[in-house]
């Protein structure tokens, strides 16, 4: 599986090396930005998927792989977490991945990595002030209105972009890929469940699973 080696090369220092730990900061469910299916893939649908989380954190990787493999099984596909077969940390050699694929009897490998994290700020104006009461002079109203004007709410949050890719082992090619976005919360298991619930039906609808 020559094409899988570069996936783990993305773990080198830099923006593309962002850990799946960023998923642990997402507050809203993921949304699908875009997806692509290999038009040359004629099937049949892939049957058994080895799930590999690209992450510097072993804990985050295990949580993600277990959760997504469970999501695949819930949807009627056969998903296998890679960490029991590939317990090593860091960049995993291609030969070891090939060995794990054979051990699992997988005909597909699914990888997920965080592409980017963008910090955004949302300013929500305060509630509008009521008009001047009847029978009151301007000077008295202006002073009290200024003091009572509510400040705007400033909300700061992160938007995380995630890439999920499905590889056909036999052809050694990408057959499906998608990017999703989500905002940060502290619930990686729940976020993984939502991501699987979003992407697995899409892969099935596209005929790759």
N, C-alpha and C. Protein backbone atom coordinates (compact mmCIF):
# COMPACT_ATOMS: atom_id res chain seq x y z
N UNK A 1 0.84 -1.20 0.00
CA UNK A 1 0.00 0.00 0.00
C UNK A 1 0.87 1.24 0.00
N UNK A 2 1.44 1.54 -1.12
CA UNK A 2 2.41 2.64 -1.21
C UNK A 2 1.78 3.98 -0.91
N UNK A 3 0.51 4.14 -1.24
CA UNK A 3 -0.11 5.46 -1.13
C UNK A 3 -0.43 5.83 0.31
N UNK A 4 -0.37 4.89 1.25
CA UNK A 4 -0.74 5.23 2.61
C UNK A 4 0.41 5.91 3.34
N UNK A 5 1.63 5.66 2.93
CA UNK A 5 2.77 6.24 3.60
C UNK A 5 2.69 7.76 3.72
N UNK A 6 2.34 8.50 2.65
CA UNK A 6 2.27 9.96 2.79
C UNK A 6 1.26 10.43 3.82
N UNK A 7 0.23 9.65 4.10
CA UNK A 7 -0.75 10.07 5.09
C UNK A 7 -0.07 10.32 6.42
N UNK A 8 0.83 9.43 6.80
CA UNK A 8 1.49 9.58 8.07
C UNK A 8 2.61 10.60 7.99
N UNK A 9 3.07 10.90 6.79
CA UNK A 9 4.01 12.00 6.62
C UNK A 9 3.39 13.32 7.01
N UNK A 10 2.06 13.43 6.94
CA UNK A 10 1.39 14.67 7.32
C UNK A 10 1.53 14.94 8.81
N UNK A 11 2.00 14.01 9.57
CA UNK A 11 2.17 14.22 11.00
C UNK A 11 3.43 15.00 11.34
N UNK A 12 4.24 15.32 10.34
CA UNK A 12 5.44 16.10 10.59
C UNK A 12 5.05 17.49 11.09
N UNK A 13 5.95 18.22 11.79
CA UNK A 13 5.60 19.52 12.35
C UNK A 13 5.07 20.47 11.30
N UNK A 14 4.08 21.26 11.70
CA UNK A 14 3.47 22.23 10.78
C UNK A 14 1.98 22.20 10.94
N UNK A 15 1.28 23.04 10.13
CA UNK A 15 -0.17 23.15 10.26
C UNK A 15 -0.85 21.83 9.99
N UNK A 16 -0.36 21.05 9.03
CA UNK A 16 -1.01 19.80 8.70
C UNK A 16 -0.83 18.75 9.76
N UNK A 17 0.03 19.00 10.74
CA UNK A 17 0.28 18.02 11.78
C UNK A 17 -0.67 18.19 12.96
N UNK A 18 -1.66 19.08 12.85
CA UNK A 18 -2.58 19.33 13.95
C UNK A 18 -3.21 18.03 14.42
N UNK A 19 -3.20 17.80 15.71
CA UNK A 19 -3.66 16.53 16.25
C UNK A 19 -5.16 16.41 16.21
N UNK A 20 -5.64 15.17 16.20
CA UNK A 20 -7.06 14.93 16.36
C UNK A 20 -7.55 15.41 17.71
N UNK A 21 -6.61 15.78 18.59
CA UNK A 21 -7.02 16.32 19.89
C UNK A 21 -7.87 17.57 19.73
N UNK A 22 -7.73 18.26 18.61
CA UNK A 22 -8.57 19.44 18.37
C UNK A 22 -10.03 19.07 18.34
N UNK A 23 -10.33 17.83 17.95
CA UNK A 23 -11.73 17.40 17.94
C UNK A 23 -12.34 17.48 19.33
N UNK A 24 -11.47 17.40 20.34
CA UNK A 24 -11.98 17.42 21.70
C UNK A 24 -12.50 18.78 22.08
N UNK A 25 -12.40 19.78 21.21
CA UNK A 25 -12.88 21.10 21.54
C UNK A 25 -14.08 21.54 20.76
N UNK A 26 -14.88 20.65 20.25
CA UNK A 26 -15.94 21.05 19.34
C UNK A 26 -17.29 21.19 20.02
N UNK A 27 -18.01 22.29 19.74
CA UNK A 27 -19.27 22.55 20.43
C UNK A 27 -20.49 22.20 19.64
N UNK A 28 -20.45 22.20 18.37
CA UNK A 28 -21.61 21.84 17.58
C UNK A 28 -21.26 20.67 16.69
N UNK A 29 -22.30 19.97 16.23
CA UNK A 29 -22.07 18.80 15.40
C UNK A 29 -21.39 19.17 14.09
N UNK A 30 -20.68 18.19 13.49
CA UNK A 30 -19.97 18.47 12.24
C UNK A 30 -20.93 18.67 11.08
N UNK A 31 -20.50 19.46 10.12
CA UNK A 31 -21.26 19.67 8.89
C UNK A 31 -20.36 19.30 7.71
N UNK A 32 -20.97 18.76 6.67
CA UNK A 32 -20.22 18.33 5.49
C UNK A 32 -19.94 19.53 4.59
N UNK A 33 -18.67 19.79 4.35
CA UNK A 33 -18.28 20.87 3.43
C UNK A 33 -18.30 20.40 1.99
N UNK A 34 -17.59 19.30 1.74
CA UNK A 34 -17.49 18.78 0.38
C UNK A 34 -17.10 17.31 0.43
N UNK A 35 -17.40 16.58 -0.63
CA UNK A 35 -16.99 15.18 -0.73
C UNK A 35 -16.68 14.87 -2.18
N UNK A 36 -15.85 13.83 -2.37
CA UNK A 36 -15.44 13.41 -3.71
C UNK A 36 -15.43 11.90 -3.77
N UNK A 37 -15.93 11.34 -4.85
CA UNK A 37 -15.92 9.89 -5.08
C UNK A 37 -15.17 9.62 -6.36
N UNK A 38 -14.30 8.61 -6.34
CA UNK A 38 -13.54 8.24 -7.52
C UNK A 38 -14.50 7.73 -8.60
N UNK A 39 -14.61 8.44 -9.72
CA UNK A 39 -15.55 8.00 -10.77
C UNK A 39 -15.15 6.67 -11.41
N UNK A 40 -13.90 6.26 -11.23
CA UNK A 40 -13.45 4.99 -11.80
C UNK A 40 -13.73 3.80 -10.89
N UNK A 41 -14.20 4.07 -9.68
CA UNK A 41 -14.52 2.97 -8.78
C UNK A 41 -15.84 2.35 -9.20
N UNK A 42 -15.80 1.10 -9.60
CA UNK A 42 -16.99 0.42 -10.11
C UNK A 42 -17.58 -0.56 -9.10
N UNK A 43 -16.97 -0.69 -7.93
CA UNK A 43 -17.48 -1.60 -6.93
C UNK A 43 -16.89 -2.99 -7.07
N UNK A 44 -17.37 -3.93 -6.31
CA UNK A 44 -18.46 -3.81 -5.33
C UNK A 44 -18.06 -2.95 -4.14
N UNK A 45 -19.04 -2.56 -3.31
CA UNK A 45 -18.72 -1.76 -2.13
C UNK A 45 -17.69 -2.46 -1.24
N UNK A 46 -16.82 -1.67 -0.62
CA UNK A 46 -15.80 -2.21 0.27
C UNK A 46 -16.46 -2.76 1.53
N UNK A 47 -15.93 -3.86 2.04
CA UNK A 47 -16.63 -4.60 3.08
C UNK A 47 -16.06 -4.40 4.49
N UNK A 48 -14.74 -4.37 4.62
CA UNK A 48 -14.14 -4.30 5.94
C UNK A 48 -13.13 -3.16 5.99
N UNK A 49 -13.33 -2.25 6.94
CA UNK A 49 -12.57 -1.01 6.99
C UNK A 49 -11.68 -0.98 8.22
N UNK A 50 -10.38 -0.80 8.00
CA UNK A 50 -9.43 -0.59 9.09
C UNK A 50 -9.37 0.92 9.34
N UNK A 51 -9.75 1.36 10.54
CA UNK A 51 -9.84 2.78 10.87
C UNK A 51 -8.53 3.24 11.51
N UNK A 52 -7.91 4.27 10.93
CA UNK A 52 -6.65 4.81 11.44
C UNK A 52 -6.82 6.30 11.71
N UNK A 53 -6.68 6.69 12.97
CA UNK A 53 -6.72 8.10 13.32
C UNK A 53 -5.31 8.68 13.29
N UNK A 54 -5.13 9.75 12.54
CA UNK A 54 -3.82 10.40 12.43
C UNK A 54 -3.71 11.43 13.55
N UNK A 55 -3.00 11.07 14.61
CA UNK A 55 -2.93 11.92 15.80
C UNK A 55 -1.64 11.69 16.56
N UNK A 56 -1.12 12.74 17.16
CA UNK A 56 0.05 12.62 18.02
C UNK A 56 -0.34 12.03 19.38
N UNK A 57 -1.59 12.18 19.76
CA UNK A 57 -2.06 11.69 21.05
C UNK A 57 -2.60 10.28 20.91
N UNK A 58 -2.02 9.33 21.62
CA UNK A 58 -2.49 7.96 21.56
C UNK A 58 -3.89 7.83 22.16
N UNK A 59 -4.16 8.58 23.22
CA UNK A 59 -5.49 8.52 23.82
C UNK A 59 -6.55 9.00 22.86
N UNK A 60 -6.29 10.14 22.21
CA UNK A 60 -7.24 10.68 21.25
C UNK A 60 -7.41 9.72 20.07
N UNK A 61 -6.32 9.15 19.62
CA UNK A 61 -6.39 8.21 18.50
C UNK A 61 -7.26 7.01 18.84
N UNK A 62 -7.08 6.43 20.04
CA UNK A 62 -7.85 5.26 20.44
C UNK A 62 -9.33 5.58 20.57
N UNK A 63 -9.64 6.72 21.19
CA UNK A 63 -11.03 7.12 21.34
C UNK A 63 -11.68 7.26 19.97
N UNK A 64 -10.97 7.94 19.05
CA UNK A 64 -11.53 8.16 17.73
C UNK A 64 -11.73 6.85 16.99
N UNK A 65 -10.71 6.01 16.95
CA UNK A 65 -10.79 4.77 16.19
C UNK A 65 -11.89 3.85 16.72
N UNK A 66 -11.97 3.72 18.05
CA UNK A 66 -13.01 2.87 18.62
C UNK A 66 -14.40 3.42 18.30
N UNK A 67 -14.56 4.74 18.41
CA UNK A 67 -15.86 5.34 18.15
C UNK A 67 -16.29 5.24 16.71
N UNK A 68 -15.35 5.49 15.79
CA UNK A 68 -15.73 5.44 14.38
C UNK A 68 -15.96 4.00 13.93
N UNK A 69 -15.16 3.05 14.45
CA UNK A 69 -15.37 1.64 14.10
C UNK A 69 -16.75 1.19 14.58
N UNK A 70 -17.14 1.65 15.77
CA UNK A 70 -18.47 1.32 16.28
C UNK A 70 -19.55 1.95 15.41
N UNK A 71 -19.32 3.19 14.95
CA UNK A 71 -20.28 3.84 14.06
C UNK A 71 -20.45 3.09 12.75
N UNK A 72 -19.35 2.57 12.22
CA UNK A 72 -19.44 1.77 11.00
C UNK A 72 -20.26 0.51 11.23
N UNK A 73 -20.03 -0.15 12.36
CA UNK A 73 -20.77 -1.39 12.65
C UNK A 73 -22.25 -1.11 12.86
N UNK A 74 -22.57 0.01 13.51
CA UNK A 74 -23.98 0.37 13.71
C UNK A 74 -24.69 0.56 12.38
N UNK A 75 -23.95 1.03 11.39
CA UNK A 75 -24.54 1.29 10.07
C UNK A 75 -24.51 0.06 9.18
N UNK A 76 -24.06 -1.07 9.72
CA UNK A 76 -24.06 -2.30 8.94
C UNK A 76 -22.78 -2.58 8.19
N UNK A 77 -21.73 -1.78 8.43
CA UNK A 77 -20.44 -2.03 7.82
C UNK A 77 -19.50 -2.62 8.88
N UNK A 78 -18.43 -3.24 8.41
CA UNK A 78 -17.48 -3.87 9.33
C UNK A 78 -16.30 -2.94 9.55
N UNK A 79 -16.24 -2.32 10.72
CA UNK A 79 -15.15 -1.40 11.05
C UNK A 79 -14.25 -1.97 12.12
N UNK A 80 -12.94 -1.80 11.95
CA UNK A 80 -11.95 -2.33 12.89
C UNK A 80 -11.00 -1.21 13.28
N UNK A 81 -10.84 -0.96 14.58
CA UNK A 81 -9.86 0.02 15.04
C UNK A 81 -8.46 -0.52 14.83
N UNK A 82 -7.53 0.36 14.44
CA UNK A 82 -6.19 -0.10 14.12
C UNK A 82 -5.28 -0.22 15.35
N UNK A 83 -5.60 0.48 16.45
CA UNK A 83 -4.62 0.54 17.54
C UNK A 83 -4.30 -0.80 18.19
N UNK A 84 -5.22 -1.79 18.23
CA UNK A 84 -4.79 -3.08 18.78
C UNK A 84 -3.75 -3.77 17.90
N UNK A 85 -3.80 -3.50 16.60
CA UNK A 85 -2.86 -4.10 15.66
C UNK A 85 -1.62 -3.24 15.46
N UNK A 86 -1.78 -1.93 15.67
CA UNK A 86 -0.68 -0.98 15.49
C UNK A 86 -0.54 -0.16 16.77
N UNK A 87 -0.01 -0.75 17.85
CA UNK A 87 0.06 -0.04 19.13
C UNK A 87 1.15 1.02 19.20
N UNK A 88 2.05 1.05 18.20
CA UNK A 88 3.13 2.02 18.25
C UNK A 88 2.61 3.44 18.04
N UNK A 89 3.35 4.40 18.57
CA UNK A 89 2.98 5.80 18.41
C UNK A 89 3.85 6.44 17.34
N UNK A 90 3.46 7.65 16.93
CA UNK A 90 4.23 8.36 15.91
C UNK A 90 3.91 7.86 14.51
N UNK A 91 4.83 8.16 13.59
CA UNK A 91 4.65 7.77 12.19
C UNK A 91 4.81 6.26 12.07
N UNK A 92 3.80 5.59 11.54
CA UNK A 92 3.81 4.13 11.45
C UNK A 92 4.37 3.72 10.09
N UNK A 93 5.36 2.85 10.04
CA UNK A 93 5.95 2.43 8.76
C UNK A 93 4.92 1.74 7.87
N UNK A 94 5.10 1.91 6.59
CA UNK A 94 4.16 1.35 5.61
C UNK A 94 4.07 -0.17 5.74
N UNK A 95 5.21 -0.83 6.00
CA UNK A 95 5.21 -2.29 6.13
C UNK A 95 4.32 -2.74 7.28
N UNK A 96 4.32 -1.98 8.36
CA UNK A 96 3.48 -2.33 9.51
C UNK A 96 2.00 -2.16 9.18
N UNK A 97 1.68 -1.13 8.40
CA UNK A 97 0.29 -0.92 8.01
C UNK A 97 -0.18 -2.06 7.11
N UNK A 98 0.66 -2.45 6.17
CA UNK A 98 0.30 -3.56 5.31
C UNK A 98 0.06 -4.83 6.12
N UNK A 99 0.89 -5.05 7.11
CA UNK A 99 0.74 -6.22 7.98
C UNK A 99 -0.59 -6.17 8.73
N UNK A 100 -0.94 -4.99 9.26
CA UNK A 100 -2.19 -4.83 9.99
C UNK A 100 -3.40 -5.04 9.08
N UNK A 101 -3.31 -4.55 7.86
CA UNK A 101 -4.40 -4.74 6.90
C UNK A 101 -4.64 -6.23 6.67
N UNK A 102 -3.57 -6.99 6.51
CA UNK A 102 -3.69 -8.45 6.30
C UNK A 102 -4.26 -9.13 7.54
N UNK A 103 -3.77 -8.73 8.72
CA UNK A 103 -4.27 -9.33 9.95
C UNK A 103 -5.77 -9.08 10.13
N UNK A 104 -6.20 -7.89 9.78
CA UNK A 104 -7.61 -7.53 9.94
C UNK A 104 -8.48 -8.10 8.83
N UNK A 105 -7.87 -8.53 7.75
CA UNK A 105 -8.64 -8.98 6.60
C UNK A 105 -9.40 -7.85 5.94
N UNK A 106 -8.83 -6.64 6.02
CA UNK A 106 -9.52 -5.45 5.52
C UNK A 106 -9.30 -5.27 4.02
N UNK A 107 -10.32 -4.77 3.35
CA UNK A 107 -10.16 -4.39 1.95
C UNK A 107 -10.19 -2.88 1.79
N UNK A 108 -10.25 -2.16 2.92
CA UNK A 108 -10.25 -0.69 2.88
C UNK A 108 -9.57 -0.15 4.14
N UNK A 109 -8.98 1.03 4.00
CA UNK A 109 -8.41 1.76 5.13
C UNK A 109 -9.05 3.14 5.15
N UNK A 110 -9.53 3.56 6.31
CA UNK A 110 -10.09 4.90 6.45
C UNK A 110 -9.21 5.71 7.38
N UNK A 111 -8.78 6.87 6.93
CA UNK A 111 -7.95 7.76 7.75
C UNK A 111 -8.68 9.08 7.98
N UNK A 112 -8.43 9.66 9.13
CA UNK A 112 -8.97 10.98 9.44
C UNK A 112 -7.88 11.83 10.04
N UNK A 113 -7.79 13.07 9.61
CA UNK A 113 -6.82 14.02 10.16
C UNK A 113 -7.47 15.39 10.24
N UNK A 114 -6.95 16.21 11.12
CA UNK A 114 -7.38 17.60 11.24
C UNK A 114 -6.55 18.44 10.28
N UNK A 115 -7.21 19.15 9.39
CA UNK A 115 -6.50 20.00 8.42
C UNK A 115 -6.14 21.36 8.99
N UNK A 116 -7.07 21.96 9.72
CA UNK A 116 -6.81 23.32 10.21
C UNK A 116 -7.72 23.66 11.37
N UNK A 117 -7.32 24.68 12.10
CA UNK A 117 -8.16 25.27 13.14
C UNK A 117 -8.15 26.78 12.93
N UNK A 118 -9.32 27.34 12.78
CA UNK A 118 -9.46 28.78 12.53
C UNK A 118 -10.21 29.42 13.69
N UNK A 119 -9.63 30.46 14.27
CA UNK A 119 -10.28 31.17 15.37
C UNK A 119 -11.19 32.26 14.81
N UNK A 120 -12.42 32.27 15.28
CA UNK A 120 -13.38 33.27 14.81
C UNK A 120 -13.97 34.03 15.99
N UNK A 121 -14.41 35.24 15.71
CA UNK A 121 -15.03 36.08 16.73
C UNK A 121 -16.38 36.55 16.22
N UNK A 122 -17.40 36.41 17.03
CA UNK A 122 -18.75 36.83 16.67
C UNK A 122 -19.20 37.89 17.67
N UNK A 123 -19.53 39.08 17.18
CA UNK A 123 -19.97 40.18 18.04
C UNK A 123 -21.48 40.32 17.91
N UNK A 124 -22.17 40.13 19.03
CA UNK A 124 -23.63 40.24 19.05
C UNK A 124 -24.00 41.55 19.73
N UNK A 125 -24.62 42.49 19.01
CA UNK A 125 -24.96 43.78 19.62
C UNK A 125 -25.89 43.60 20.80
N UNK A 126 -25.80 44.55 21.76
CA UNK A 126 -26.71 44.53 22.89
C UNK A 126 -28.13 44.84 22.44
N UNK A 127 -29.09 44.58 23.30
CA UNK A 127 -30.50 44.82 22.97
C UNK A 127 -30.71 46.31 22.68
N UNK A 128 -31.51 46.64 21.67
CA UNK A 128 -31.73 48.06 21.34
C UNK A 128 -32.43 48.80 22.47
N UNK A 129 -32.05 50.05 22.66
CA UNK A 129 -32.67 50.87 23.70
C UNK A 129 -34.08 51.28 23.29
N UNK A 130 -34.95 51.42 24.27
CA UNK A 130 -36.31 51.88 24.00
C UNK A 130 -36.29 53.38 23.66
N UNK A 131 -37.29 53.81 22.98
CA UNK A 131 -37.40 55.22 22.63
C UNK A 131 -37.63 56.06 23.87
N UNK A 132 -37.45 57.37 23.75
CA UNK A 132 -37.60 58.26 24.92
C UNK A 132 -39.05 58.24 25.42
N UNK A 133 -39.21 58.14 26.71
CA UNK A 133 -40.57 58.13 27.26
C UNK A 133 -41.25 59.48 27.04
N UNK A 134 -42.54 59.43 26.87
CA UNK A 134 -43.29 60.66 26.67
C UNK A 134 -43.27 61.51 27.94
N UNK A 135 -43.17 62.79 27.75
CA UNK A 135 -43.24 63.71 28.89
C UNK A 135 -41.90 63.93 29.57
N UNK A 136 -40.79 63.35 29.04
CA UNK A 136 -39.49 63.52 29.65
C UNK A 136 -38.61 64.38 28.77
N UNK A 137 -37.78 65.22 29.39
CA UNK A 137 -36.87 66.04 28.62
C UNK A 137 -35.70 65.24 28.07
N UNK A 138 -35.10 65.75 27.02
CA UNK A 138 -34.00 65.04 26.36
C UNK A 138 -32.80 64.83 27.28
N UNK A 139 -32.40 65.88 28.00
CA UNK A 139 -31.18 65.80 28.79
C UNK A 139 -31.27 64.73 29.87
N UNK A 140 -32.39 64.65 30.52
CA UNK A 140 -32.57 63.63 31.55
C UNK A 140 -32.61 62.23 30.96
N UNK A 141 -33.25 62.11 29.80
CA UNK A 141 -33.36 60.78 29.15
C UNK A 141 -32.01 60.32 28.63
N UNK A 142 -31.24 61.23 28.02
CA UNK A 142 -29.98 60.85 27.39
C UNK A 142 -29.01 60.25 28.39
N UNK A 143 -28.86 60.87 29.53
CA UNK A 143 -27.91 60.38 30.53
C UNK A 143 -28.25 58.98 31.00
N UNK A 144 -29.53 58.73 31.31
CA UNK A 144 -29.92 57.42 31.80
C UNK A 144 -29.83 56.37 30.69
N UNK A 145 -30.17 56.79 29.46
CA UNK A 145 -30.11 55.83 28.35
C UNK A 145 -28.67 55.40 28.08
N UNK A 146 -27.73 56.34 28.15
CA UNK A 146 -26.32 56.00 27.93
C UNK A 146 -25.82 55.01 28.99
N UNK A 147 -26.17 55.25 30.22
CA UNK A 147 -25.73 54.38 31.30
C UNK A 147 -26.34 52.99 31.19
N UNK A 148 -27.52 52.88 30.65
CA UNK A 148 -28.23 51.61 30.59
C UNK A 148 -27.98 50.84 29.30
N UNK A 149 -27.26 51.45 28.34
CA UNK A 149 -27.03 50.76 27.06
C UNK A 149 -26.19 49.51 27.29
N UNK A 150 -26.69 48.30 26.94
CA UNK A 150 -25.93 47.07 27.20
C UNK A 150 -24.75 46.93 26.24
N UNK A 151 -23.60 46.45 26.73
CA UNK A 151 -22.46 46.22 25.84
C UNK A 151 -22.72 45.03 24.93
N UNK A 152 -22.04 44.97 23.80
CA UNK A 152 -22.22 43.81 22.91
C UNK A 152 -21.58 42.56 23.52
N UNK A 153 -22.10 41.40 23.15
CA UNK A 153 -21.51 40.13 23.56
C UNK A 153 -20.46 39.72 22.52
N UNK A 154 -19.26 39.42 22.97
CA UNK A 154 -18.18 39.00 22.09
C UNK A 154 -17.94 37.50 22.32
N UNK A 155 -18.19 36.70 21.31
CA UNK A 155 -18.06 35.25 21.41
C UNK A 155 -16.88 34.81 20.56
N UNK A 156 -15.92 34.14 21.19
CA UNK A 156 -14.74 33.64 20.49
C UNK A 156 -14.80 32.12 20.43
N UNK A 157 -14.58 31.55 19.25
CA UNK A 157 -14.65 30.10 19.11
C UNK A 157 -13.75 29.64 17.98
N UNK A 158 -13.48 28.35 17.94
CA UNK A 158 -12.63 27.77 16.91
C UNK A 158 -13.47 26.96 15.93
N UNK A 159 -13.08 27.01 14.67
CA UNK A 159 -13.69 26.15 13.64
C UNK A 159 -12.62 25.17 13.18
N UNK A 160 -12.90 23.89 13.34
CA UNK A 160 -11.95 22.83 13.01
C UNK A 160 -12.38 22.16 11.70
N UNK A 161 -11.45 22.07 10.76
CA UNK A 161 -11.70 21.40 9.48
C UNK A 161 -11.04 20.02 9.50
N UNK A 162 -11.83 18.99 9.22
CA UNK A 162 -11.40 17.60 9.33
C UNK A 162 -11.51 16.93 7.96
N UNK A 163 -10.51 16.16 7.62
CA UNK A 163 -10.52 15.41 6.35
C UNK A 163 -10.61 13.92 6.65
N UNK A 164 -11.55 13.25 6.01
CA UNK A 164 -11.73 11.80 6.15
C UNK A 164 -11.59 11.17 4.77
N UNK A 165 -10.75 10.13 4.67
CA UNK A 165 -10.42 9.53 3.38
C UNK A 165 -10.56 8.01 3.45
N UNK A 166 -11.16 7.45 2.42
CA UNK A 166 -11.31 6.00 2.31
C UNK A 166 -10.43 5.49 1.17
N UNK A 167 -9.60 4.49 1.50
CA UNK A 167 -8.64 3.94 0.55
C UNK A 167 -9.04 2.52 0.17
N UNK A 168 -8.99 2.21 -1.12
CA UNK A 168 -9.21 0.85 -1.62
C UNK A 168 -7.87 0.12 -1.57
N UNK A 169 -7.77 -0.92 -0.72
CA UNK A 169 -6.52 -1.63 -0.53
C UNK A 169 -6.07 -2.32 -1.82
N UNK A 170 -6.98 -2.97 -2.49
CA UNK A 170 -6.62 -3.75 -3.68
C UNK A 170 -6.06 -2.87 -4.77
N UNK A 171 -6.69 -1.73 -5.01
CA UNK A 171 -6.23 -0.83 -6.07
C UNK A 171 -5.20 0.17 -5.57
N UNK A 172 -5.02 0.24 -4.25
CA UNK A 172 -4.06 1.18 -3.66
C UNK A 172 -4.38 2.61 -4.09
N UNK A 173 -5.66 2.97 -3.97
CA UNK A 173 -6.12 4.29 -4.41
C UNK A 173 -7.17 4.82 -3.47
N UNK A 174 -7.26 6.17 -3.44
CA UNK A 174 -8.35 6.83 -2.73
C UNK A 174 -9.63 6.64 -3.54
N UNK A 175 -10.70 6.19 -2.88
CA UNK A 175 -11.98 6.04 -3.58
C UNK A 175 -13.00 7.07 -3.10
N UNK A 176 -12.74 7.68 -1.93
CA UNK A 176 -13.71 8.64 -1.39
C UNK A 176 -13.01 9.53 -0.37
N UNK A 177 -13.34 10.80 -0.38
CA UNK A 177 -12.79 11.72 0.62
C UNK A 177 -13.77 12.84 0.88
N UNK A 178 -13.73 13.39 2.07
CA UNK A 178 -14.64 14.48 2.43
C UNK A 178 -13.99 15.37 3.46
N UNK A 179 -14.42 16.63 3.49
CA UNK A 179 -14.01 17.55 4.55
C UNK A 179 -15.25 17.99 5.32
N UNK A 180 -15.10 18.07 6.62
CA UNK A 180 -16.18 18.53 7.48
C UNK A 180 -15.66 19.64 8.37
N UNK A 181 -16.59 20.41 8.91
CA UNK A 181 -16.23 21.48 9.85
C UNK A 181 -17.06 21.36 11.11
N UNK A 182 -16.46 21.76 12.21
CA UNK A 182 -17.16 21.73 13.48
C UNK A 182 -16.55 22.78 14.39
N UNK A 183 -17.30 23.20 15.42
CA UNK A 183 -16.79 24.14 16.41
C UNK A 183 -16.46 23.40 17.69
N UNK A 184 -15.60 23.97 18.49
CA UNK A 184 -14.98 23.20 19.57
C UNK A 184 -15.87 22.97 20.79
N UNK A 185 -15.77 21.73 21.34
CA UNK A 185 -16.34 21.38 22.65
C UNK A 185 -15.43 20.35 23.29
N UNK A 186 -15.73 19.95 24.50
CA UNK A 186 -14.89 18.98 25.21
C UNK A 186 -15.58 17.62 25.25
N UNK A 187 -15.81 17.03 24.09
CA UNK A 187 -16.49 15.73 24.06
C UNK A 187 -16.08 14.98 22.80
N UNK A 188 -14.88 14.42 22.80
CA UNK A 188 -14.40 13.70 21.63
C UNK A 188 -15.23 12.46 21.32
N UNK A 189 -15.62 11.63 22.30
CA UNK A 189 -16.46 10.48 21.96
C UNK A 189 -17.76 10.87 21.27
N UNK A 190 -18.44 11.89 21.82
CA UNK A 190 -19.69 12.33 21.21
C UNK A 190 -19.47 12.92 19.83
N UNK A 191 -18.38 13.67 19.67
CA UNK A 191 -18.08 14.28 18.38
C UNK A 191 -17.77 13.20 17.33
N UNK A 192 -17.05 12.16 17.75
CA UNK A 192 -16.73 11.06 16.84
C UNK A 192 -18.01 10.34 16.40
N UNK A 193 -18.91 10.13 17.34
CA UNK A 193 -20.18 9.47 17.02
C UNK A 193 -20.96 10.29 15.99
N UNK A 194 -20.97 11.60 16.17
CA UNK A 194 -21.69 12.47 15.23
C UNK A 194 -21.02 12.46 13.86
N UNK A 195 -19.68 12.45 13.86
CA UNK A 195 -18.96 12.44 12.58
C UNK A 195 -19.25 11.15 11.80
N UNK A 196 -19.25 10.02 12.51
CA UNK A 196 -19.56 8.74 11.85
C UNK A 196 -21.00 8.73 11.34
N UNK A 197 -21.92 9.27 12.14
CA UNK A 197 -23.32 9.30 11.74
C UNK A 197 -23.54 10.17 10.51
N UNK A 198 -22.66 11.16 10.32
CA UNK A 198 -22.76 12.03 9.14
C UNK A 198 -22.12 11.40 7.92
N UNK A 199 -20.93 10.80 8.08
CA UNK A 199 -20.15 10.37 6.92
C UNK A 199 -20.46 8.95 6.44
N UNK A 200 -20.74 8.03 7.34
CA UNK A 200 -20.98 6.64 6.90
C UNK A 200 -22.19 6.55 5.97
N UNK A 201 -23.33 7.17 6.29
CA UNK A 201 -24.45 7.12 5.34
C UNK A 201 -24.10 7.74 3.98
N UNK A 202 -23.26 8.78 4.00
CA UNK A 202 -22.86 9.41 2.75
C UNK A 202 -22.00 8.45 1.92
N UNK A 203 -21.07 7.74 2.58
CA UNK A 203 -20.25 6.76 1.86
C UNK A 203 -21.11 5.64 1.30
N UNK A 204 -22.11 5.22 2.06
CA UNK A 204 -23.01 4.17 1.58
C UNK A 204 -23.83 4.67 0.38
N UNK A 205 -24.31 5.91 0.47
CA UNK A 205 -25.09 6.47 -0.63
C UNK A 205 -24.25 6.61 -1.89
N UNK A 206 -22.96 6.85 -1.71
CA UNK A 206 -22.05 6.98 -2.86
C UNK A 206 -21.55 5.62 -3.37
N UNK A 207 -21.96 4.55 -2.69
CA UNK A 207 -21.65 3.21 -3.18
C UNK A 207 -20.25 2.71 -2.92
N UNK A 208 -19.51 3.34 -1.99
CA UNK A 208 -18.17 2.87 -1.69
C UNK A 208 -18.17 1.93 -0.48
N UNK A 209 -19.24 1.94 0.31
CA UNK A 209 -19.40 1.03 1.43
C UNK A 209 -20.69 0.26 1.27
